Amino acid sequence: MHSGALRLAHRWTLLRRPGLSHVLVREFIRPAVRVVPASMARRLGHCRISLEIADPTVASQWTETEAGLAVSL
């Protein structure tokens, strides 16, 4: 696991960044990840979620890696 990562449901991780709101994580990110069905999470494998995306016109970006998926929001 990345040293700056928070553990989420399904053994997924959220990359920490400066200024990351604990309220955002508690009220939005964790509940959203928890509602992913376990069968879907198993098919997706490990997901690493980042709340930074370089292109402001893109809502999300999903990239397959050797370890699973990297999801940028």
Protein backbone atom coordinates (compact mmCIF):
# COMPACT_ATOMS: atom_id res chain seq x y z
CA MET A 1 0.00 0.00 0.00
CA HIS A 2 1.19 3.51 -0.77
CA SER A 3 2.49 5.20 2.41
CA GLY A 4 0.13 8.15 1.95
CA ALA A 5 -2.94 6.01 1.39
CA LEU A 6 -6.10 5.49 3.43
CA ARG A 7 -7.66 2.03 3.54
CA LEU A 8 -11.19 1.74 2.18
CA ALA A 9 -13.72 -1.08 1.91
CA HIS A 10 -12.84 -3.98 -0.43
CA ARG A 11 -9.13 -3.41 0.40
CA TRP A 12 -9.15 -0.40 -1.92
CA THR A 13 -7.09 2.67 -1.10
CA LEU A 14 -7.51 6.43 -1.32
CA LEU A 15 -4.36 8.43 -1.99
CA ARG A 16 -3.91 11.23 0.51
CA ARG A 17 -3.17 14.72 -0.66
CA PRO A 18 -2.62 17.98 1.22
CA GLY A 19 -5.88 19.55 2.27
CA LEU A 20 -7.94 16.37 1.80
CA SER A 21 -11.12 16.96 3.79
CA HIS A 22 -11.86 14.30 6.40
CA VAL A 23 -15.54 15.18 6.01
CA LEU A 24 -15.36 14.45 2.27
CA VAL A 25 -13.77 11.08 2.98
CA ARG A 26 -16.24 10.21 5.76
CA GLU A 27 -19.43 11.51 4.13
CA PHE A 28 -18.82 10.78 0.43
CA ILE A 29 -15.86 8.57 -0.46
CA ARG A 30 -16.22 5.81 2.15
CA PRO A 31 -20.02 5.42 1.70
CA ALA A 32 -19.65 5.37 -2.11
CA VAL A 33 -17.02 2.63 -1.96
CA ARG A 34 -19.02 0.60 0.60
CA VAL A 35 -22.04 0.36 -1.73
CA VAL A 36 -20.00 -1.28 -4.50
CA PRO A 37 -21.22 -4.89 -4.49
CA ALA A 38 -18.59 -7.34 -3.25
CA SER A 39 -18.89 -9.39 -6.45
CA MET A 40 -18.08 -6.31 -8.54
CA ALA A 41 -15.20 -5.32 -6.26
CA ARG A 42 -13.70 -8.81 -6.67
CA ARG A 43 -13.88 -8.49 -10.47
CA LEU A 44 -12.31 -5.04 -10.41
CA GLY A 45 -9.52 -6.10 -8.05
CA HIS A 46 -7.52 -3.56 -6.12
CA CYS A 47 -8.53 0.05 -6.84
CA ARG A 48 -6.40 3.03 -5.90
CA ILE A 49 -8.48 6.22 -5.84
CA SER A 50 -7.07 9.71 -6.28
CA LEU A 51 -9.03 12.95 -6.04
CA GLU A 52 -6.70 14.78 -8.41
CA ILE A 53 -7.07 14.86 -12.15
CA ALA A 54 -4.98 16.96 -14.50
CA ASP A 55 -7.71 17.80 -17.03
CA PRO A 56 -10.59 19.82 -15.49
CA THR A 57 -12.91 18.78 -18.37
CA VAL A 58 -12.66 15.10 -17.35
CA ALA A 59 -14.86 13.82 -14.52
CA SER A 60 -12.95 10.58 -13.93
CA GLN A 61 -10.19 8.49 -15.39
CA TRP A 62 -9.83 4.72 -14.91
CA THR A 63 -6.43 3.23 -15.69
CA GLU A 64 -5.60 -0.47 -15.51
CA THR A 65 -2.32 -1.17 -13.70
CA GLU A 66 -0.49 -4.37 -12.77
CA ALA A 67 -1.96 -4.12 -9.27
CA GLY A 68 -5.55 -3.36 -10.37
CA LEU A 69 -7.20 -0.05 -11.21
CA ALA A 70 -6.13 3.54 -10.61
CA VAL A 71 -9.23 5.74 -10.44
CA SER A 72 -8.85 9.52 -10.60
CA LEU A 73 -11.81 11.77 -9.80
